């Protein structure tokens, strides 16, 4: 288990087993994070009229914004090695990765116009949702034939 200054959880597990000519390695990990960002702001503006000393309008705006980002991902990996004899071995490996992200955003603005002679208020809200998913998997095998102890090998991949 590990962590950082971002709020997330990232557990992992690894298991290795070996008996005589066979070895197995399994690894799995995951990650969950959920971040919420909020913003509040305001703005005040005065627009002067063409006549000195008068103004046409005063404009006041408040904005509230929130973003909620959640991510879930994980991967799994497996490797199996078998020593056929002292000069050759075969290996199989496979694994995959999955990722699911969700992002929700909302924004609300309220604009107040103080006009002469009538005041008005304009308010609107907007929001969006983004979902994305991805994943991949792989599988492979290789055969190694050792010709000597100096690293001269023949290796074939699938």
N, C-alpha and C. Protein backbone atom coordinates (compact mmCIF):
# COMPACT_ATOMS: atom_id res chain seq x y z
N UNK A 1 0.86 -1.17 0.00
CA UNK A 1 0.00 0.00 0.00
C UNK A 1 0.90 1.22 0.00
N UNK A 2 0.56 2.22 -0.80
CA UNK A 2 1.33 3.46 -0.79
C UNK A 2 0.39 4.65 -0.96
N UNK A 3 0.90 5.84 -0.80
CA UNK A 3 0.07 7.03 -0.91
C UNK A 3 0.90 8.24 -1.25
N UNK A 4 0.22 9.36 -1.45
CA UNK A 4 0.92 10.61 -1.76
C UNK A 4 0.06 11.77 -1.28
N UNK A 5 0.42 12.98 -1.70
CA UNK A 5 -0.36 14.14 -1.30
C UNK A 5 -1.68 14.22 -2.07
N UNK A 6 -1.88 13.39 -3.07
CA UNK A 6 -3.17 13.28 -3.74
C UNK A 6 -3.96 12.18 -3.03
N UNK A 7 -5.25 12.34 -2.91
CA UNK A 7 -6.03 11.28 -2.26
C UNK A 7 -6.22 10.08 -3.20
N UNK A 8 -5.45 9.02 -2.97
CA UNK A 8 -5.63 7.80 -3.73
C UNK A 8 -5.16 6.60 -2.93
N UNK A 9 -5.62 5.43 -3.33
CA UNK A 9 -5.22 4.16 -2.74
C UNK A 9 -4.68 3.31 -3.87
N UNK A 10 -3.55 2.65 -3.64
CA UNK A 10 -2.92 1.86 -4.70
C UNK A 10 -2.36 0.55 -4.13
N UNK A 11 -3.22 -0.43 -3.86
CA UNK A 11 -2.72 -1.70 -3.32
C UNK A 11 -2.14 -2.58 -4.44
N UNK A 12 -1.22 -3.46 -4.07
CA UNK A 12 -0.68 -4.44 -5.00
C UNK A 12 -0.34 -5.71 -4.26
N UNK A 13 -0.25 -6.80 -5.00
CA UNK A 13 0.11 -8.09 -4.42
C UNK A 13 0.98 -8.83 -5.44
N UNK A 14 1.95 -9.56 -4.92
CA UNK A 14 2.83 -10.35 -5.77
C UNK A 14 3.03 -11.71 -5.12
N UNK A 15 3.01 -12.75 -5.93
CA UNK A 15 3.22 -14.10 -5.42
C UNK A 15 4.19 -14.81 -6.36
N UNK A 16 5.24 -15.38 -5.79
CA UNK A 16 6.22 -16.13 -6.57
C UNK A 16 6.33 -17.53 -5.98
N UNK A 17 6.33 -18.54 -6.86
CA UNK A 17 6.42 -19.93 -6.43
C UNK A 17 7.37 -20.66 -7.36
N UNK A 18 8.23 -21.51 -6.79
CA UNK A 18 9.17 -22.30 -7.59
C UNK A 18 9.30 -23.68 -6.98
N UNK A 19 9.25 -24.67 -7.86
CA UNK A 19 9.48 -26.06 -7.43
C UNK A 19 10.18 -26.78 -8.57
N UNK A 20 11.37 -27.23 -8.29
CA UNK A 20 12.21 -27.94 -9.24
C UNK A 20 12.34 -27.16 -10.55
N UNK A 21 11.70 -27.59 -11.62
CA UNK A 21 11.88 -26.96 -12.93
C UNK A 21 10.80 -25.92 -13.27
N UNK A 22 9.84 -25.75 -12.42
CA UNK A 22 8.70 -24.86 -12.71
C UNK A 22 8.68 -23.67 -11.76
N UNK A 23 8.48 -22.49 -12.30
CA UNK A 23 8.31 -21.30 -11.45
C UNK A 23 7.13 -20.48 -11.98
N UNK A 24 6.40 -19.89 -11.05
CA UNK A 24 5.22 -19.09 -11.37
C UNK A 24 5.33 -17.76 -10.64
N UNK A 25 5.03 -16.68 -11.35
CA UNK A 25 5.03 -15.34 -10.77
C UNK A 25 3.70 -14.68 -11.12
N UNK A 26 2.98 -14.26 -10.10
CA UNK A 26 1.71 -13.55 -10.28
C UNK A 26 1.82 -12.17 -9.65
N UNK A 27 1.29 -11.17 -10.33
CA UNK A 27 1.33 -9.81 -9.81
C UNK A 27 0.02 -9.13 -10.18
N UNK A 28 -0.57 -8.42 -9.23
CA UNK A 28 -1.80 -7.66 -9.48
C UNK A 28 -1.73 -6.35 -8.71
N UNK A 29 -2.25 -5.31 -9.30
CA UNK A 29 -2.29 -4.03 -8.60
C UNK A 29 -3.54 -3.27 -9.02
N UNK A 30 -3.91 -2.31 -8.22
CA UNK A 30 -5.05 -1.48 -8.52
C UNK A 30 -4.81 -0.07 -8.01
N UNK A 31 -5.67 0.84 -8.43
CA UNK A 31 -5.56 2.22 -7.97
C UNK A 31 -6.94 2.85 -7.99
N UNK A 32 -7.24 3.54 -6.91
CA UNK A 32 -8.50 4.29 -6.81
C UNK A 32 -8.17 5.70 -6.35
N UNK A 33 -8.70 6.68 -7.05
CA UNK A 33 -8.52 8.06 -6.61
C UNK A 33 -9.82 8.82 -6.83
N UNK A 34 -10.07 9.77 -5.97
CA UNK A 34 -11.26 10.62 -6.08
C UNK A 34 -10.86 12.02 -5.63
N UNK A 35 -10.82 12.93 -6.59
CA UNK A 35 -10.44 14.31 -6.30
C UNK A 35 -11.62 15.22 -6.55
N UNK A 36 -11.82 16.15 -5.63
CA UNK A 36 -12.88 17.15 -5.78
C UNK A 36 -12.23 18.53 -5.71
N UNK A 37 -12.44 19.31 -6.74
CA UNK A 37 -11.91 20.67 -6.80
C UNK A 37 -13.09 21.65 -6.84
N UNK A 38 -13.03 22.69 -6.01
CA UNK A 38 -14.08 23.70 -6.01
C UNK A 38 -13.44 25.08 -6.19
N UNK A 39 -14.18 25.95 -6.86
CA UNK A 39 -13.74 27.32 -7.09
C UNK A 39 -14.93 28.24 -6.89
N UNK A 40 -14.73 29.30 -6.12
CA UNK A 40 -15.73 30.36 -5.96
C UNK A 40 -15.06 31.68 -6.25
N UNK A 41 -15.71 32.51 -7.08
CA UNK A 41 -15.12 33.80 -7.42
C UNK A 41 -16.22 34.85 -7.57
N UNK A 42 -15.80 36.12 -7.54
CA UNK A 42 -16.73 37.21 -7.77
C UNK A 42 -16.02 38.30 -8.56
N UNK A 43 -16.83 39.13 -9.20
CA UNK A 43 -16.30 40.18 -10.05
C UNK A 43 -17.26 41.37 -9.99
N UNK A 44 -16.71 42.58 -9.91
CA UNK A 44 -17.51 43.81 -9.86
C UNK A 44 -16.96 44.77 -10.91
N UNK A 45 -17.87 45.32 -11.72
CA UNK A 45 -17.43 46.19 -12.80
C UNK A 45 -18.41 47.35 -12.94
N UNK A 46 -17.88 48.54 -13.19
CA UNK A 46 -18.71 49.72 -13.40
C UNK A 46 -18.42 50.28 -14.79
N UNK A 47 -19.47 50.53 -15.53
CA UNK A 47 -19.33 51.11 -16.85
C UNK A 47 -19.88 52.54 -16.82
N UNK A 48 -19.03 53.48 -17.13
CA UNK A 48 -19.42 54.89 -17.08
C UNK A 48 -20.19 55.30 -18.33
N UNK A 49 -21.08 56.25 -18.12
CA UNK A 49 -21.84 56.82 -19.22
C UNK A 49 -21.00 57.88 -19.92
N UNK A 50 -21.49 58.30 -21.04
CA UNK A 50 -20.77 59.34 -21.79
C UNK A 50 -20.78 60.67 -21.04
N UNK A 51 -21.79 60.89 -20.17
CA UNK A 51 -21.87 62.13 -19.40
C UNK A 51 -21.03 61.98 -18.15
N UNK A 52 -20.15 62.93 -17.91
CA UNK A 52 -19.24 62.86 -16.77
C UNK A 52 -20.02 62.86 -15.46
N UNK A 53 -19.58 61.98 -14.53
CA UNK A 53 -20.22 61.90 -13.22
C UNK A 53 -21.37 60.92 -13.15
N UNK A 54 -21.82 60.41 -14.27
CA UNK A 54 -22.91 59.44 -14.30
C UNK A 54 -22.36 58.08 -14.73
N UNK A 55 -23.11 57.05 -14.42
CA UNK A 55 -22.72 55.73 -14.89
C UNK A 55 -23.92 55.06 -15.52
N UNK A 56 -23.64 54.20 -16.49
CA UNK A 56 -24.72 53.47 -17.17
C UNK A 56 -25.12 52.23 -16.39
N UNK A 57 -24.12 51.50 -15.90
CA UNK A 57 -24.46 50.25 -15.22
C UNK A 57 -23.34 49.84 -14.27
N UNK A 58 -23.74 49.06 -13.28
CA UNK A 58 -22.80 48.35 -12.42
C UNK A 58 -23.14 46.87 -12.60
N UNK A 59 -22.09 46.10 -12.77
CA UNK A 59 -22.26 44.69 -13.06
C UNK A 59 -21.55 43.89 -11.99
N UNK A 60 -22.24 42.90 -11.40
CA UNK A 60 -21.68 42.06 -10.34
C UNK A 60 -21.92 40.62 -10.73
N UNK A 61 -20.86 39.79 -10.67
CA UNK A 61 -20.99 38.38 -11.06
C UNK A 61 -20.36 37.50 -10.00
N UNK A 62 -21.06 36.43 -9.65
CA UNK A 62 -20.50 35.38 -8.79
C UNK A 62 -20.46 34.07 -9.58
N UNK A 63 -19.42 33.29 -9.34
CA UNK A 63 -19.25 32.02 -10.04
C UNK A 63 -18.88 30.95 -9.03
N UNK A 64 -19.58 29.82 -9.10
CA UNK A 64 -19.25 28.64 -8.30
C UNK A 64 -19.01 27.49 -9.25
N UNK A 65 -17.91 26.79 -9.05
CA UNK A 65 -17.56 25.69 -9.95
C UNK A 65 -17.07 24.51 -9.12
N UNK A 66 -17.46 23.30 -9.56
CA UNK A 66 -17.04 22.08 -8.86
C UNK A 66 -16.68 21.02 -9.90
N UNK A 67 -15.57 20.33 -9.65
CA UNK A 67 -15.15 19.21 -10.49
C UNK A 67 -14.91 18.00 -9.60
N UNK A 68 -15.48 16.88 -9.98
CA UNK A 68 -15.34 15.62 -9.25
C UNK A 68 -14.73 14.61 -10.20
N UNK A 69 -13.50 14.19 -9.93
CA UNK A 69 -12.77 13.26 -10.79
C UNK A 69 -12.51 11.97 -10.04
N UNK A 70 -13.00 10.86 -10.60
CA UNK A 70 -12.79 9.55 -9.98
C UNK A 70 -12.12 8.63 -10.99
N UNK A 71 -11.14 7.88 -10.53
CA UNK A 71 -10.41 6.97 -11.41
C UNK A 71 -10.21 5.63 -10.72
N UNK A 72 -10.51 4.57 -11.45
CA UNK A 72 -10.28 3.21 -10.98
C UNK A 72 -9.47 2.50 -12.06
N UNK A 73 -8.35 1.90 -11.68
CA UNK A 73 -7.56 1.17 -12.66
C UNK A 73 -6.89 -0.03 -12.00
N UNK A 74 -6.45 -0.94 -12.81
CA UNK A 74 -5.76 -2.10 -12.27
C UNK A 74 -5.07 -2.88 -13.37
N UNK A 75 -4.16 -3.72 -12.95
CA UNK A 75 -3.50 -4.60 -13.91
C UNK A 75 -3.18 -5.93 -13.25
N UNK A 76 -2.98 -6.91 -14.09
CA UNK A 76 -2.63 -8.24 -13.63
C UNK A 76 -1.58 -8.80 -14.58
N UNK A 77 -0.64 -9.55 -14.04
CA UNK A 77 0.45 -10.11 -14.83
C UNK A 77 0.76 -11.51 -14.31
N UNK A 78 1.05 -12.42 -15.25
CA UNK A 78 1.42 -13.78 -14.87
C UNK A 78 2.57 -14.24 -15.75
N UNK A 79 3.53 -14.94 -15.16
CA UNK A 79 4.65 -15.51 -15.90
C UNK A 79 4.88 -16.92 -15.39
N UNK A 80 5.00 -17.85 -16.31
CA UNK A 80 5.28 -19.25 -15.97
C UNK A 80 6.53 -19.66 -16.73
N UNK A 81 7.54 -20.13 -16.01
CA UNK A 81 8.79 -20.61 -16.62
C UNK A 81 8.94 -22.10 -16.34
N UNK A 82 9.36 -22.82 -17.37
CA UNK A 82 9.61 -24.25 -17.20
C UNK A 82 10.96 -24.58 -17.82
N UNK A 83 11.84 -25.19 -17.03
CA UNK A 83 13.16 -25.60 -17.50
C UNK A 83 13.04 -27.00 -18.10
N UNK A 84 13.14 -27.06 -19.43
CA UNK A 84 13.00 -28.34 -20.13
C UNK A 84 14.18 -29.25 -19.79
N UNK A 85 15.38 -28.71 -19.91
CA UNK A 85 16.62 -29.39 -19.48
C UNK A 85 17.61 -28.29 -19.12
N UNK A 86 18.85 -28.66 -18.86
CA UNK A 86 19.83 -27.68 -18.39
C UNK A 86 20.20 -26.66 -19.47
N UNK A 87 19.85 -26.90 -20.72
CA UNK A 87 20.21 -25.96 -21.79
C UNK A 87 19.03 -25.27 -22.45
N UNK A 88 17.82 -25.58 -22.04
CA UNK A 88 16.66 -24.95 -22.69
C UNK A 88 15.51 -24.77 -21.71
N UNK A 89 14.77 -23.70 -21.93
CA UNK A 89 13.57 -23.46 -21.13
C UNK A 89 12.52 -22.76 -21.99
N UNK A 90 11.30 -22.81 -21.49
CA UNK A 90 10.18 -22.18 -22.17
C UNK A 90 9.44 -21.31 -21.14
N UNK A 91 8.93 -20.20 -21.62
CA UNK A 91 8.27 -19.25 -20.73
C UNK A 91 6.98 -18.76 -21.37
N UNK A 92 5.94 -18.63 -20.56
CA UNK A 92 4.65 -18.08 -20.99
C UNK A 92 4.33 -16.89 -20.10
N UNK A 93 3.86 -15.82 -20.72
CA UNK A 93 3.46 -14.67 -19.91
C UNK A 93 2.20 -14.05 -20.50
N UNK A 94 1.45 -13.42 -19.64
CA UNK A 94 0.23 -12.75 -20.05
C UNK A 94 -0.17 -11.73 -19.01
N UNK A 95 -1.01 -10.83 -19.42
CA UNK A 95 -1.46 -9.82 -18.49
C UNK A 95 -2.39 -8.83 -19.15
N UNK A 96 -2.82 -7.88 -18.38
CA UNK A 96 -3.72 -6.87 -18.92
C UNK A 96 -3.85 -5.70 -17.98
N UNK A 97 -4.49 -4.65 -18.50
CA UNK A 97 -4.68 -3.40 -17.78
C UNK A 97 -6.09 -2.89 -18.06
N UNK A 98 -6.71 -2.29 -17.04
CA UNK A 98 -8.04 -1.70 -17.19
C UNK A 98 -8.04 -0.34 -16.51
N UNK A 99 -8.71 0.62 -17.14
CA UNK A 99 -8.80 1.97 -16.58
C UNK A 99 -10.20 2.52 -16.80
N UNK A 100 -10.78 3.09 -15.76
CA UNK A 100 -12.11 3.70 -15.84
C UNK A 100 -12.03 5.06 -15.17
N UNK A 101 -12.28 6.11 -15.93
CA UNK A 101 -12.26 7.48 -15.41
C UNK A 101 -13.63 8.11 -15.56
N UNK A 102 -14.04 8.85 -14.54
CA UNK A 102 -15.29 9.61 -14.58
C UNK A 102 -15.00 11.01 -14.09
N UNK A 103 -15.43 11.98 -14.85
CA UNK A 103 -15.24 13.37 -14.47
C UNK A 103 -16.58 14.10 -14.57
N UNK A 104 -17.02 14.67 -13.46
CA UNK A 104 -18.26 15.43 -13.42
C UNK A 104 -17.91 16.89 -13.12
N UNK A 105 -18.46 17.79 -13.90
CA UNK A 105 -18.20 19.20 -13.67
C UNK A 105 -19.48 20.00 -13.66
N UNK A 106 -19.55 20.99 -12.80
CA UNK A 106 -20.72 21.87 -12.77
C UNK A 106 -20.24 23.30 -12.54
N UNK A 107 -20.99 24.23 -13.09
CA UNK A 107 -20.65 25.65 -12.97
C UNK A 107 -21.94 26.44 -12.89
N UNK A 108 -21.99 27.38 -11.97
CA UNK A 108 -23.15 28.26 -11.83
C UNK A 108 -22.66 29.69 -11.77
N UNK A 109 -23.26 30.51 -12.61
CA UNK A 109 -22.94 31.94 -12.64
C UNK A 109 -24.20 32.75 -12.41
N UNK A 110 -24.07 33.77 -11.60
CA UNK A 110 -25.16 34.72 -11.38
C UNK A 110 -24.60 36.10 -11.68
N UNK A 111 -25.22 36.77 -12.63
CA UNK A 111 -24.81 38.11 -13.01
C UNK A 111 -25.94 39.08 -12.67
N UNK A 112 -25.60 40.11 -11.95
CA UNK A 112 -26.58 41.13 -11.58
C UNK A 112 -26.17 42.45 -12.23
N UNK A 113 -27.08 43.01 -13.00
CA UNK A 113 -26.84 44.28 -13.67
C UNK A 113 -27.71 45.35 -13.01
N UNK A 114 -27.08 46.39 -12.51
CA UNK A 114 -27.80 47.51 -11.95
C UNK A 114 -27.80 48.60 -13.02
N UNK A 115 -28.89 48.65 -13.75
CA UNK A 115 -29.02 49.58 -14.87
C UNK A 115 -29.91 50.74 -14.46
N UNK A 116 -29.75 51.82 -15.14
CA UNK A 116 -30.66 52.93 -14.89
C UNK A 116 -31.68 52.95 -16.01
N UNK A 117 -32.91 52.82 -15.78
CA UNK A 117 -33.63 52.84 -14.51
C UNK A 117 -34.01 51.46 -14.00
N UNK A 118 -33.70 50.32 -14.68
CA UNK A 118 -34.20 48.99 -14.31
C UNK A 118 -33.02 48.09 -13.95
N UNK A 119 -33.18 47.29 -12.90
CA UNK A 119 -32.17 46.30 -12.54
C UNK A 119 -32.58 44.95 -13.14
N UNK A 120 -31.60 44.08 -13.41
CA UNK A 120 -31.91 42.75 -13.93
C UNK A 120 -30.90 41.74 -13.39
N UNK A 121 -31.33 40.50 -13.35
CA UNK A 121 -30.48 39.39 -12.89
C UNK A 121 -30.48 38.31 -13.97
N UNK A 122 -29.32 37.82 -14.28
CA UNK A 122 -29.17 36.72 -15.23
C UNK A 122 -28.41 35.61 -14.50
N UNK A 123 -29.01 34.43 -14.46
CA UNK A 123 -28.36 33.30 -13.79
C UNK A 123 -28.41 32.10 -14.73
N UNK A 124 -27.34 31.32 -14.75
CA UNK A 124 -27.35 30.09 -15.53
C UNK A 124 -26.43 29.07 -14.88
N UNK A 125 -26.74 27.83 -15.17
CA UNK A 125 -25.94 26.71 -14.68
C UNK A 125 -25.59 25.83 -15.86
N UNK A 126 -24.45 25.21 -15.77
CA UNK A 126 -24.06 24.26 -16.80
C UNK A 126 -23.28 23.13 -16.16
N UNK A 127 -23.28 21.99 -16.80
CA UNK A 127 -22.55 20.85 -16.27
C UNK A 127 -22.14 19.92 -17.40
N UNK A 128 -21.16 19.10 -17.14
CA UNK A 128 -20.75 18.11 -18.12
C UNK A 128 -20.26 16.86 -17.41
N UNK A 129 -20.36 15.77 -18.12
CA UNK A 129 -19.91 14.48 -17.61
C UNK A 129 -19.03 13.84 -18.67
N UNK A 130 -17.88 13.36 -18.27
CA UNK A 130 -16.99 12.67 -19.18
C UNK A 130 -16.68 11.29 -18.59
N UNK A 131 -16.91 10.27 -19.37
CA UNK A 131 -16.57 8.90 -18.97
C UNK A 131 -15.59 8.34 -19.98
N UNK A 132 -14.53 7.72 -19.51
CA UNK A 132 -13.60 7.06 -20.43
C UNK A 132 -13.16 5.74 -19.83
N UNK A 133 -13.08 4.75 -20.69
CA UNK A 133 -12.63 3.43 -20.28
C UNK A 133 -11.60 2.95 -21.29
N UNK A 134 -10.61 2.27 -20.81
CA UNK A 134 -9.62 1.69 -21.71
C UNK A 134 -9.07 0.42 -21.09
N UNK A 135 -8.52 -0.39 -21.92
CA UNK A 135 -7.93 -1.62 -21.44
C UNK A 135 -7.14 -2.29 -22.54
N UNK A 136 -6.26 -3.15 -22.16
CA UNK A 136 -5.53 -3.95 -23.13
C UNK A 136 -5.07 -5.23 -22.45
N UNK A 137 -4.76 -6.19 -23.26
CA UNK A 137 -4.24 -7.45 -22.75
C UNK A 137 -3.14 -7.96 -23.67
N UNK A 138 -2.33 -8.83 -23.16
CA UNK A 138 -1.25 -9.39 -23.97
C UNK A 138 -0.96 -10.82 -23.51
N UNK A 139 -0.42 -11.57 -24.44
CA UNK A 139 0.00 -12.93 -24.15
C UNK A 139 1.25 -13.21 -24.99
N UNK A 140 2.18 -13.90 -24.43
CA UNK A 140 3.40 -14.22 -25.17
C UNK A 140 4.05 -15.49 -24.67
N UNK A 141 4.94 -15.99 -25.48
CA UNK A 141 5.71 -17.18 -25.12
C UNK A 141 7.09 -17.04 -25.74
N UNK A 142 8.07 -17.60 -25.07
CA UNK A 142 9.40 -17.63 -25.68
C UNK A 142 10.13 -18.92 -25.28
N UNK A 143 11.00 -19.30 -26.18
CA UNK A 143 11.81 -20.50 -26.00
C UNK A 143 13.27 -20.07 -26.06
N UNK A 144 14.07 -20.54 -25.13
CA UNK A 144 15.49 -20.20 -25.10
C UNK A 144 16.32 -21.48 -25.10
N UNK A 145 17.30 -21.52 -26.02
CA UNK A 145 18.25 -22.63 -26.08
C UNK A 145 19.63 -22.04 -25.79
N UNK A 146 20.30 -22.53 -24.73
CA UNK A 146 21.62 -22.05 -24.33
C UNK A 146 22.70 -22.93 -24.97
N UNK A 147 23.62 -22.27 -25.67
CA UNK A 147 24.69 -23.02 -26.32
C UNK A 147 25.94 -23.12 -25.45
N UNK A 148 26.17 -22.12 -24.60
CA UNK A 148 27.32 -22.16 -23.70
C UNK A 148 27.05 -21.25 -22.51
N UNK A 149 28.00 -21.16 -21.59
CA UNK A 149 27.86 -20.31 -20.40
C UNK A 149 28.26 -18.86 -20.65
N UNK A 150 28.64 -18.52 -21.87
CA UNK A 150 29.07 -17.16 -22.18
C UNK A 150 27.93 -16.29 -22.71
N UNK A 151 26.72 -16.78 -22.69
CA UNK A 151 25.57 -15.98 -23.12
C UNK A 151 25.17 -16.17 -24.57
N UNK A 152 25.74 -17.18 -25.25
CA UNK A 152 25.34 -17.47 -26.62
C UNK A 152 24.06 -18.30 -26.58
N UNK A 153 22.96 -17.64 -26.92
CA UNK A 153 21.65 -18.27 -26.83
C UNK A 153 20.89 -18.09 -28.14
N UNK A 154 19.95 -18.97 -28.35
CA UNK A 154 18.95 -18.82 -29.41
C UNK A 154 17.63 -18.58 -28.69
N UNK A 155 16.96 -17.51 -29.04
CA UNK A 155 15.71 -17.19 -28.35
C UNK A 155 14.62 -16.92 -29.39
N UNK A 156 13.50 -17.58 -29.24
CA UNK A 156 12.37 -17.38 -30.16
C UNK A 156 11.17 -16.88 -29.35
N UNK A 157 10.48 -15.87 -29.91
CA UNK A 157 9.33 -15.24 -29.24
C UNK A 157 8.05 -15.50 -30.03
N UNK A 158 6.97 -15.54 -29.33
CA UNK A 158 5.64 -15.62 -29.94
C UNK A 158 4.82 -14.47 -29.42
